[in-house]
């Protein structure tokens, strides 16, 4: 069907008539990581099915799934994704993965709007948390925000002065009040 012939209602299209969330670029289905009941079926006898957690292996698998997801998304820095993969994936050859060796992206537009749907079962939520932890770490590393080691906050009161960039007329706050008191006291 030709896009010129497609009528899109206002609730599906944005105010400018373009698709906002009508068609996702990519749909990925992920099964939960290894759960306690996958490892030991007797768990089903005394823990309700919806409360069964992931094993340590399942938690590792969840973070590895986060790496695999970042590998298929259009992100800013694929080298950073591979650095994270070295942290979370110890042995690439012994695990089942997506066949991504010859994966080519059909679009270069960055994936900035990702939506996750999950089952309310604990193992599914824990899997999603592992995936989101990896994505959050990527975002933090990719943001360019770094801690300035010299100017860290010191809660013990050793840092006595606040610094503002030169040229700012209205610094406000305590500094402004102290300046007024000093000027009045020197008269």
N, C-alpha and C. Protein backbone atom coordinates (compact mmCIF):
# COMPACT_ATOMS: atom_id res chain seq x y z
N UNK A 1 0.86 -1.18 0.00
CA UNK A 1 0.00 0.00 0.00
C UNK A 1 0.89 1.23 0.00
N UNK A 2 0.56 2.18 -0.77
CA UNK A 2 1.31 3.42 -0.90
C UNK A 2 0.98 4.34 0.27
N UNK A 3 1.97 5.01 0.86
CA UNK A 3 1.72 5.86 2.03
C UNK A 3 0.82 7.05 1.71
N UNK A 4 0.79 7.50 0.47
CA UNK A 4 -0.08 8.63 0.13
C UNK A 4 -1.56 8.26 0.28
N UNK A 5 -1.88 6.98 0.13
CA UNK A 5 -3.26 6.53 0.20
C UNK A 5 -3.69 6.13 1.61
N UNK A 6 -2.80 6.20 2.57
CA UNK A 6 -3.12 5.78 3.93
C UNK A 6 -3.67 6.96 4.70
N UNK A 7 -4.86 6.78 5.28
CA UNK A 7 -5.43 7.81 6.13
C UNK A 7 -5.13 7.45 7.58
N UNK A 8 -4.56 8.39 8.30
CA UNK A 8 -4.21 8.16 9.70
C UNK A 8 -5.01 9.11 10.55
N UNK A 9 -5.69 8.55 11.54
CA UNK A 9 -6.50 9.40 12.42
C UNK A 9 -5.60 10.23 13.32
N UNK A 10 -6.15 11.31 13.88
CA UNK A 10 -5.39 12.24 14.70
C UNK A 10 -4.82 11.59 15.95
N UNK A 11 -5.51 10.59 16.51
CA UNK A 11 -4.99 9.96 17.73
C UNK A 11 -3.79 9.06 17.45
N UNK A 12 -3.65 8.54 16.22
CA UNK A 12 -2.49 7.73 15.86
C UNK A 12 -1.36 8.62 15.37
N UNK A 13 -1.68 9.62 14.58
CA UNK A 13 -0.67 10.54 14.07
C UNK A 13 -0.53 11.70 15.04
N UNK A 14 0.64 12.29 15.04
CA UNK A 14 0.87 13.46 15.88
C UNK A 14 0.14 14.66 15.34
N UNK A 15 0.27 15.78 15.99
CA UNK A 15 -0.42 17.00 15.56
C UNK A 15 0.05 17.46 14.19
N UNK A 16 1.23 17.03 13.76
CA UNK A 16 1.75 17.42 12.45
C UNK A 16 1.42 16.40 11.37
N UNK A 17 0.68 15.36 11.75
CA UNK A 17 0.27 14.36 10.78
C UNK A 17 1.30 13.26 10.56
N UNK A 18 2.41 13.28 11.29
CA UNK A 18 3.43 12.24 11.12
C UNK A 18 3.18 11.12 12.12
N UNK A 19 3.71 9.95 11.82
CA UNK A 19 3.55 8.82 12.72
C UNK A 19 4.38 9.06 13.97
N UNK A 20 3.78 8.91 15.13
CA UNK A 20 4.53 9.08 16.37
C UNK A 20 4.89 7.74 16.98
N UNK A 21 3.95 6.88 17.17
CA UNK A 21 4.22 5.55 17.70
C UNK A 21 3.41 4.50 16.95
N UNK A 22 3.02 4.79 15.73
CA UNK A 22 2.15 3.89 15.01
C UNK A 22 2.86 2.61 14.60
N UNK A 23 4.09 2.72 14.12
CA UNK A 23 4.82 1.54 13.67
C UNK A 23 6.21 1.54 14.29
N UNK A 24 6.49 0.58 15.13
CA UNK A 24 7.84 0.52 15.70
C UNK A 24 8.84 0.07 14.64
N UNK A 25 10.06 0.52 14.78
CA UNK A 25 11.13 0.10 13.87
C UNK A 25 11.50 -1.35 14.12
N UNK A 26 11.38 -1.77 15.36
CA UNK A 26 11.86 -3.08 15.75
C UNK A 26 11.01 -3.62 16.89
N UNK A 27 10.65 -4.88 16.82
CA UNK A 27 9.96 -5.55 17.92
C UNK A 27 10.84 -6.71 18.35
N UNK A 28 11.17 -6.75 19.62
CA UNK A 28 12.04 -7.80 20.16
C UNK A 28 11.28 -8.52 21.27
N UNK A 29 11.25 -9.84 21.20
CA UNK A 29 10.64 -10.65 22.26
C UNK A 29 11.76 -11.33 23.03
N UNK A 30 11.73 -11.20 24.35
CA UNK A 30 12.77 -11.78 25.19
C UNK A 30 12.11 -12.65 26.25
N UNK A 31 12.57 -13.89 26.36
CA UNK A 31 12.07 -14.78 27.41
C UNK A 31 12.87 -14.51 28.67
N UNK A 32 12.28 -14.77 29.82
CA UNK A 32 12.98 -14.54 31.08
C UNK A 32 14.21 -15.44 31.18
N UNK A 33 15.14 -15.02 32.03
CA UNK A 33 16.34 -15.81 32.28
C UNK A 33 16.01 -17.06 33.08
N UNK A 34 17.04 -17.85 33.36
CA UNK A 34 16.84 -19.09 34.11
C UNK A 34 16.22 -18.78 35.47
N UNK A 35 15.12 -19.47 35.77
CA UNK A 35 14.44 -19.26 37.05
C UNK A 35 14.72 -20.43 37.98
N UNK A 36 14.35 -20.24 39.24
CA UNK A 36 14.52 -21.31 40.23
C UNK A 36 13.78 -22.57 39.81
N UNK A 37 12.61 -22.43 39.20
CA UNK A 37 11.85 -23.62 38.79
C UNK A 37 12.43 -24.26 37.54
N UNK A 38 13.15 -23.50 36.71
CA UNK A 38 13.85 -24.11 35.58
C UNK A 38 14.96 -25.03 36.09
N UNK A 39 15.55 -24.63 37.19
CA UNK A 39 16.67 -25.37 37.75
C UNK A 39 16.21 -26.52 38.64
N UNK A 40 15.12 -26.30 39.39
CA UNK A 40 14.64 -27.30 40.34
C UNK A 40 13.11 -27.28 40.33
N UNK A 41 12.51 -28.28 39.73
CA UNK A 41 11.04 -28.34 39.59
C UNK A 41 10.33 -28.45 40.94
N UNK A 42 10.99 -28.89 41.99
CA UNK A 42 10.37 -29.01 43.30
C UNK A 42 9.97 -27.65 43.87
N UNK A 43 10.58 -26.59 43.40
CA UNK A 43 10.25 -25.24 43.84
C UNK A 43 8.78 -24.94 43.60
N UNK A 44 8.23 -25.50 42.52
CA UNK A 44 6.82 -25.27 42.18
C UNK A 44 5.87 -25.78 43.26
N UNK A 45 6.33 -26.69 44.12
CA UNK A 45 5.49 -27.25 45.16
C UNK A 45 5.29 -26.33 46.36
N UNK A 46 6.18 -25.39 46.58
CA UNK A 46 6.06 -24.55 47.77
C UNK A 46 6.18 -23.04 47.50
N UNK A 47 6.47 -22.63 46.28
CA UNK A 47 6.47 -21.21 45.93
C UNK A 47 5.45 -21.00 44.81
N UNK A 48 4.54 -20.05 44.98
CA UNK A 48 3.59 -19.77 43.89
C UNK A 48 4.33 -19.39 42.60
N UNK A 49 3.81 -19.81 41.48
CA UNK A 49 4.46 -19.64 40.19
C UNK A 49 4.86 -18.18 39.92
N UNK A 50 3.99 -17.24 40.27
CA UNK A 50 4.27 -15.84 39.95
C UNK A 50 5.34 -15.22 40.87
N UNK A 51 5.75 -15.94 41.91
CA UNK A 51 6.76 -15.42 42.85
C UNK A 51 8.13 -16.06 42.68
N UNK A 52 8.29 -16.90 41.67
CA UNK A 52 9.56 -17.59 41.45
C UNK A 52 10.57 -16.61 40.86
N UNK A 53 11.76 -16.57 41.47
CA UNK A 53 12.81 -15.62 41.09
C UNK A 53 13.77 -16.23 40.08
N UNK A 54 14.63 -15.37 39.56
CA UNK A 54 15.73 -15.81 38.71
C UNK A 54 16.84 -16.39 39.58
N UNK A 55 17.59 -17.29 38.99
CA UNK A 55 18.81 -17.77 39.64
C UNK A 55 19.92 -16.76 39.34
N UNK A 56 21.10 -16.98 39.91
CA UNK A 56 22.26 -16.12 39.59
C UNK A 56 22.56 -16.19 38.09
N UNK A 57 22.44 -17.39 37.53
CA UNK A 57 22.64 -17.55 36.08
C UNK A 57 21.60 -16.75 35.32
N UNK A 58 20.36 -16.77 35.78
CA UNK A 58 19.29 -16.00 35.13
C UNK A 58 19.55 -14.51 35.18
N UNK A 59 20.11 -14.02 36.28
CA UNK A 59 20.45 -12.60 36.38
C UNK A 59 21.56 -12.23 35.40
N UNK A 60 22.53 -13.11 35.25
CA UNK A 60 23.60 -12.89 34.27
C UNK A 60 23.02 -12.89 32.86
N UNK A 61 22.12 -13.85 32.59
CA UNK A 61 21.48 -13.92 31.27
C UNK A 61 20.69 -12.65 30.98
N UNK A 62 20.05 -12.06 31.98
CA UNK A 62 19.27 -10.83 31.78
C UNK A 62 20.19 -9.69 31.36
N UNK A 63 21.34 -9.55 32.01
CA UNK A 63 22.28 -8.49 31.62
C UNK A 63 22.86 -8.75 30.24
N UNK A 64 23.10 -10.02 29.93
CA UNK A 64 23.58 -10.36 28.59
C UNK A 64 22.52 -10.02 27.53
N UNK A 65 21.25 -10.23 27.86
CA UNK A 65 20.17 -9.85 26.94
C UNK A 65 20.16 -8.34 26.74
N UNK A 66 20.49 -7.58 27.79
CA UNK A 66 20.60 -6.13 27.66
C UNK A 66 21.69 -5.74 26.67
N UNK A 67 22.82 -6.44 26.72
CA UNK A 67 23.90 -6.19 25.76
C UNK A 67 23.44 -6.53 24.35
N UNK A 68 22.78 -7.68 24.19
CA UNK A 68 22.29 -8.08 22.87
C UNK A 68 21.29 -7.06 22.33
N UNK A 69 20.45 -6.53 23.19
CA UNK A 69 19.49 -5.51 22.76
C UNK A 69 20.21 -4.25 22.32
N UNK A 70 21.20 -3.80 23.08
CA UNK A 70 21.96 -2.62 22.67
C UNK A 70 22.67 -2.83 21.33
N UNK A 71 23.06 -4.07 21.07
CA UNK A 71 23.74 -4.37 19.80
C UNK A 71 22.82 -4.21 18.59
N UNK A 72 21.51 -4.41 18.76
CA UNK A 72 20.60 -4.26 17.62
C UNK A 72 19.97 -2.88 17.54
N UNK A 73 20.05 -2.11 18.62
CA UNK A 73 19.49 -0.75 18.59
C UNK A 73 20.44 0.21 17.89
N UNK A 74 19.89 1.27 17.36
CA UNK A 74 20.70 2.34 16.78
C UNK A 74 21.10 3.28 17.91
N UNK A 75 22.29 3.06 18.45
CA UNK A 75 22.79 3.87 19.55
C UNK A 75 23.95 4.73 19.06
N UNK A 76 24.35 5.68 19.89
CA UNK A 76 25.41 6.62 19.51
C UNK A 76 26.78 5.96 19.40
N UNK A 77 27.10 5.06 20.31
CA UNK A 77 28.47 4.56 20.42
C UNK A 77 28.48 3.03 20.55
N UNK A 78 28.66 2.35 19.43
CA UNK A 78 28.69 0.88 19.46
C UNK A 78 29.96 0.35 20.11
N UNK A 79 31.04 1.15 20.11
CA UNK A 79 32.26 0.73 20.81
C UNK A 79 32.01 0.65 22.31
N UNK A 80 31.22 1.57 22.83
CA UNK A 80 30.86 1.56 24.24
C UNK A 80 30.03 0.32 24.58
N UNK A 81 29.17 -0.08 23.66
CA UNK A 81 28.37 -1.31 23.86
C UNK A 81 29.31 -2.51 23.95
N UNK A 82 30.32 -2.56 23.10
CA UNK A 82 31.26 -3.68 23.13
C UNK A 82 32.10 -3.66 24.41
N UNK A 83 32.42 -2.47 24.92
CA UNK A 83 33.12 -2.38 26.21
C UNK A 83 32.25 -2.95 27.33
N UNK A 84 30.96 -2.63 27.30
CA UNK A 84 30.03 -3.19 28.29
C UNK A 84 29.90 -4.71 28.11
N UNK A 85 29.95 -5.17 26.87
CA UNK A 85 29.86 -6.62 26.62
C UNK A 85 31.02 -7.35 27.28
N UNK A 86 32.21 -6.74 27.26
CA UNK A 86 33.37 -7.37 27.91
C UNK A 86 33.14 -7.49 29.41
N UNK A 87 32.42 -6.55 29.97
CA UNK A 87 32.13 -6.58 31.40
C UNK A 87 31.10 -7.65 31.75
N UNK A 88 30.07 -7.79 30.93
CA UNK A 88 28.94 -8.66 31.27
C UNK A 88 28.96 -10.03 30.61
N UNK A 89 29.70 -10.19 29.54
CA UNK A 89 29.72 -11.47 28.83
C UNK A 89 31.13 -12.04 28.92
N UNK A 90 31.28 -13.07 29.73
CA UNK A 90 32.61 -13.65 29.96
C UNK A 90 33.02 -14.62 28.86
N UNK A 91 32.09 -15.45 28.40
CA UNK A 91 32.42 -16.45 27.39
C UNK A 91 31.36 -16.42 26.30
N UNK A 92 31.64 -15.72 25.24
CA UNK A 92 30.69 -15.52 24.14
C UNK A 92 30.38 -16.85 23.43
N UNK A 93 31.33 -17.77 23.40
CA UNK A 93 31.16 -19.00 22.63
C UNK A 93 30.21 -20.01 23.29
N UNK A 94 30.05 -19.94 24.61
CA UNK A 94 29.25 -20.96 25.29
C UNK A 94 27.80 -20.57 25.51
N UNK A 95 27.37 -19.44 25.00
CA UNK A 95 25.99 -19.02 25.25
C UNK A 95 25.22 -18.91 23.95
N UNK A 96 23.91 -19.08 24.07
CA UNK A 96 23.04 -18.92 22.90
C UNK A 96 22.75 -17.44 22.73
N UNK A 97 22.93 -16.94 21.53
CA UNK A 97 22.74 -15.51 21.29
C UNK A 97 21.94 -15.29 20.02
N UNK A 98 21.61 -14.05 19.82
CA UNK A 98 21.01 -13.66 18.55
C UNK A 98 22.07 -13.76 17.46
N UNK A 99 21.70 -14.17 16.26
CA UNK A 99 22.68 -14.24 15.17
C UNK A 99 22.94 -12.84 14.61
N UNK A 100 23.83 -12.10 15.25
CA UNK A 100 24.03 -10.69 14.90
C UNK A 100 25.27 -10.44 14.05
N UNK A 101 25.99 -11.46 13.66
CA UNK A 101 27.23 -11.25 12.92
C UNK A 101 27.01 -10.46 11.63
N UNK A 102 25.99 -10.78 10.87
CA UNK A 102 25.73 -10.11 9.60
C UNK A 102 24.54 -9.16 9.68
N UNK A 103 24.20 -8.73 10.89
CA UNK A 103 23.05 -7.84 11.07
C UNK A 103 23.37 -6.46 10.51
N UNK A 104 22.51 -5.98 9.61
CA UNK A 104 22.67 -4.62 9.09
C UNK A 104 21.42 -3.82 9.42
N UNK A 105 21.64 -2.62 9.85
CA UNK A 105 20.52 -1.76 10.23
C UNK A 105 19.88 -1.17 8.98
N UNK A 106 18.56 -1.19 8.95
CA UNK A 106 17.84 -0.63 7.81
C UNK A 106 17.66 0.87 7.96
N UNK A 107 17.86 1.36 9.16
CA UNK A 107 17.66 2.78 9.43
C UNK A 107 18.83 3.29 10.26
N UNK A 108 19.21 4.52 10.04
CA UNK A 108 20.28 5.15 10.83
C UNK A 108 19.72 6.06 11.91
N UNK A 109 18.41 6.20 11.94
CA UNK A 109 17.79 7.07 12.94
C UNK A 109 17.98 6.45 14.32
N UNK A 110 18.44 7.26 15.26
CA UNK A 110 18.72 6.78 16.62
C UNK A 110 17.44 6.29 17.30
N UNK A 111 17.57 5.20 18.02
CA UNK A 111 16.45 4.68 18.81
C UNK A 111 16.43 5.41 20.15
N UNK A 112 15.54 6.36 20.28
CA UNK A 112 15.47 7.16 21.50
C UNK A 112 14.21 6.87 22.30
N UNK A 113 13.28 6.16 21.73
CA UNK A 113 12.02 5.88 22.41
C UNK A 113 11.81 4.37 22.42
N UNK A 114 12.16 3.74 23.53
CA UNK A 114 12.05 2.29 23.65
C UNK A 114 10.96 1.98 24.66
N UNK A 115 10.06 1.09 24.31
CA UNK A 115 8.96 0.72 25.19
C UNK A 115 9.10 -0.76 25.55
N UNK A 116 8.97 -1.07 26.83
CA UNK A 116 9.03 -2.45 27.29
C UNK A 116 7.68 -2.85 27.87
N UNK A 117 7.25 -4.04 27.54
CA UNK A 117 6.06 -4.65 28.14
C UNK A 117 6.53 -5.93 28.80
N UNK A 118 6.06 -6.18 30.00
CA UNK A 118 6.50 -7.39 30.70
C UNK A 118 5.35 -8.02 31.48
N UNK A 119 5.51 -9.30 31.71
CA UNK A 119 4.57 -10.03 32.56
C UNK A 119 4.75 -9.55 34.00
N UNK A 120 3.72 -9.66 34.82
CA UNK A 120 3.87 -9.28 36.23
C UNK A 120 4.63 -10.34 37.05
N UNK A 121 4.95 -11.47 36.45
CA UNK A 121 5.68 -12.51 37.18
C UNK A 121 7.06 -11.98 37.59
N UNK A 122 7.49 -12.38 38.77
CA UNK A 122 8.75 -11.88 39.33
C UNK A 122 9.93 -12.15 38.39
N UNK A 123 10.02 -13.34 37.82
CA UNK A 123 11.17 -13.68 36.97
C UNK A 123 11.22 -12.80 35.72
N UNK A 124 10.05 -12.42 35.20
CA UNK A 124 10.01 -11.54 34.03
C UNK A 124 10.43 -10.12 34.42
N UNK A 125 9.96 -9.65 35.56
CA UNK A 125 10.33 -8.30 36.03
C UNK A 125 11.82 -8.23 36.36
N UNK A 126 12.36 -9.30 36.96
CA UNK A 126 13.80 -9.33 37.27
C UNK A 126 14.63 -9.36 35.99
N UNK A 127 14.14 -10.05 34.97
CA UNK A 127 14.84 -10.05 33.68
C UNK A 127 14.84 -8.65 33.08
N UNK A 128 13.70 -7.98 33.11
CA UNK A 128 13.63 -6.61 32.60
C UNK A 128 14.56 -5.69 33.39
N UNK A 129 14.64 -5.87 34.70
CA UNK A 129 15.52 -5.04 35.51
C UNK A 129 16.98 -5.22 35.08
N UNK A 130 17.40 -6.45 34.82
CA UNK A 130 18.77 -6.70 34.35
C UNK A 130 19.04 -6.02 33.02
N UNK A 131 18.07 -6.07 32.11
CA UNK A 131 18.21 -5.41 30.81
C UNK A 131 18.30 -3.91 31.00
N UNK A 132 17.42 -3.35 31.82
CA UNK A 132 17.40 -1.90 32.05
C UNK A 132 18.66 -1.43 32.78
N UNK A 133 19.22 -2.25 33.66
CA UNK A 133 20.47 -1.88 34.33
C UNK A 133 21.58 -1.66 33.31
N UNK A 134 21.66 -2.53 32.31
CA UNK A 134 22.68 -2.40 31.27
C UNK A 134 22.42 -1.16 30.42
N UNK A 135 21.17 -0.94 30.04
CA UNK A 135 20.83 0.25 29.24
C UNK A 135 21.11 1.52 30.03
N UNK A 136 20.78 1.52 31.33
CA UNK A 136 21.08 2.69 32.17
C UNK A 136 22.58 2.93 32.25
N UNK A 137 23.36 1.87 32.38
CA UNK A 137 24.82 2.03 32.45
C UNK A 137 25.35 2.59 31.14
N UNK A 138 24.84 2.09 30.01
CA UNK A 138 25.24 2.65 28.71
C UNK A 138 24.91 4.14 28.65
N UNK A 139 23.69 4.50 29.04
CA UNK A 139 23.28 5.91 28.99
C UNK A 139 24.16 6.78 29.88
N UNK A 140 24.50 6.28 31.05
CA UNK A 140 25.35 7.04 31.97
C UNK A 140 26.74 7.25 31.37
N UNK A 141 27.32 6.20 30.82
CA UNK A 141 28.65 6.31 30.23
C UNK A 141 28.64 7.16 28.96
N UNK A 142 27.55 7.10 28.21
CA UNK A 142 27.45 7.83 26.95
C UNK A 142 27.06 9.30 27.15
N UNK A 143 26.61 9.67 28.33
CA UNK A 143 26.11 11.03 28.56
C UNK A 143 27.19 12.09 28.54
N UNK A 144 28.42 11.70 28.82
CA UNK A 144 29.50 12.68 28.88
C UNK A 144 29.61 13.36 30.23
N UNK A 145 28.72 13.05 31.16
CA UNK A 145 28.78 13.66 32.50
C UNK A 145 29.78 12.86 33.33
N UNK A 146 30.74 13.57 33.90
CA UNK A 146 31.77 12.93 34.71
C UNK A 146 31.87 13.61 36.07
N UNK A 147 32.31 12.89 37.06
CA UNK A 147 32.53 13.46 38.38
C UNK A 147 33.87 14.18 38.38
N UNK A 148 33.85 15.42 38.82
CA UNK A 148 35.08 16.20 38.94
C UNK A 148 35.69 15.86 40.30
N UNK A 149 36.78 15.12 40.30
CA UNK A 149 37.35 14.61 41.55
C UNK A 149 37.81 15.73 42.48
N UNK A 150 38.27 16.86 41.95
CA UNK A 150 38.79 17.95 42.78
C UNK A 150 37.69 18.69 43.53
N UNK A 151 36.50 18.75 42.99
CA UNK A 151 35.44 19.57 43.57
C UNK A 151 34.28 18.74 44.11
N UNK A 152 34.55 17.54 44.58
CA UNK A 152 33.49 16.70 45.15
C UNK A 152 32.87 17.36 46.37
N UNK A 153 31.61 17.07 46.58
CA UNK A 153 30.92 17.58 47.76
C UNK A 153 31.52 16.95 49.01
N UNK A 154 31.84 17.76 49.99
CA UNK A 154 32.41 17.28 51.24
C UNK A 154 31.44 17.58 52.37
N UNK A 155 30.73 16.59 52.87
CA UNK A 155 29.72 16.85 53.89
C UNK A 155 30.30 17.23 55.25
N UNK A 156 31.62 17.21 55.41
CA UNK A 156 32.22 17.52 56.70
C UNK A 156 32.61 18.99 56.84
N UNK A 157 32.29 19.82 55.89
CA UNK A 157 32.48 21.25 56.01
C UNK A 157 33.88 21.75 55.72
N UNK A 158 34.71 20.96 55.06
CA UNK A 158 36.06 21.43 54.76
C UNK A 158 36.07 22.43 53.61
N UNK A 159 35.11 22.34 52.73
CA UNK A 159 35.02 23.28 51.62
C UNK A 159 34.23 24.48 52.10
N UNK A 160 34.88 25.64 52.19
CA UNK A 160 34.27 26.80 52.82
C UNK A 160 33.72 27.82 51.83
N UNK A 161 34.02 27.70 50.57
CA UNK A 161 33.62 28.72 49.61
C UNK A 161 32.86 28.08 48.45
N UNK A 162 31.93 28.83 47.94
CA UNK A 162 31.24 28.44 46.71
C UNK A 162 31.81 29.26 45.58
N UNK A 163 31.94 28.68 44.42
CA UNK A 163 32.51 29.38 43.27
C UNK A 163 31.46 29.52 42.19
N UNK A 164 31.36 30.72 41.61
CA UNK A 164 30.49 30.98 40.48
C UNK A 164 31.34 31.46 39.32
N UNK A 165 30.94 31.18 38.11
CA UNK A 165 31.69 31.69 36.97
C UNK A 165 31.74 33.22 36.99
N UNK A 166 32.86 33.77 36.58
CA UNK A 166 33.01 35.23 36.53
C UNK A 166 32.04 35.82 35.52
N UNK A 167 31.60 37.03 35.81
CA UNK A 167 30.74 37.74 34.88
C UNK A 167 29.26 37.57 35.16
N UNK A 168 28.91 36.72 36.10
CA UNK A 168 27.50 36.57 36.43
C UNK A 168 27.10 37.67 37.41
N UNK A 169 26.13 38.47 37.06
CA UNK A 169 25.70 39.57 37.92
C UNK A 169 24.81 39.11 39.05
N UNK A 170 23.97 38.12 38.79
CA UNK A 170 23.00 37.70 39.79
C UNK A 170 23.33 36.28 40.24
N UNK A 171 24.14 36.16 41.27
CA UNK A 171 24.47 34.83 41.77
C UNK A 171 23.40 34.32 42.71
N UNK A 172 22.77 35.23 43.44
CA UNK A 172 21.66 34.85 44.32
C UNK A 172 22.11 34.03 45.51
N UNK A 173 21.15 33.62 46.29
CA UNK A 173 21.40 32.72 47.41
C UNK A 173 22.21 33.33 48.53
N UNK A 174 22.91 32.47 49.26
CA UNK A 174 23.66 32.86 50.44
C UNK A 174 24.78 33.83 50.09
N UNK A 175 25.44 33.61 48.96
CA UNK A 175 26.54 34.48 48.56
C UNK A 175 26.08 35.93 48.48
N UNK A 176 24.93 36.19 47.91
CA UNK A 176 24.40 37.55 47.77
C UNK A 176 24.12 38.15 49.14
N UNK A 177 23.56 37.38 50.05
CA UNK A 177 23.27 37.88 51.40
C UNK A 177 24.57 38.21 52.12
N UNK A 178 25.59 37.35 52.01
CA UNK A 178 26.87 37.62 52.67
C UNK A 178 27.51 38.88 52.13
N UNK A 179 27.40 39.13 50.84
CA UNK A 179 27.98 40.32 50.23
C UNK A 179 27.30 41.56 50.78
N UNK A 180 25.99 41.52 50.93
CA UNK A 180 25.24 42.67 51.46
C UNK A 180 25.65 42.93 52.91
N UNK A 181 25.77 41.90 53.72
CA UNK A 181 26.17 42.06 55.13
C UNK A 181 27.57 42.64 55.21
N UNK A 182 28.48 42.16 54.37
CA UNK A 182 29.85 42.66 54.38
C UNK A 182 29.89 44.13 54.01
N UNK A 183 29.15 44.53 52.99
CA UNK A 183 29.12 45.93 52.56
C UNK A 183 28.56 46.80 53.68
N UNK A 184 27.48 46.39 54.32
CA UNK A 184 26.89 47.18 55.40
C UNK A 184 27.83 47.26 56.60
N UNK A 185 28.51 46.19 56.92
CA UNK A 185 29.40 46.16 58.07
C UNK A 185 30.65 46.99 57.88
N UNK A 186 31.04 47.27 56.67
CA UNK A 186 32.27 48.02 56.43
C UNK A 186 32.03 49.52 56.40
N UNK A 187 30.80 49.99 56.54
CA UNK A 187 30.53 51.42 56.51
C UNK A 187 30.87 52.08 57.76
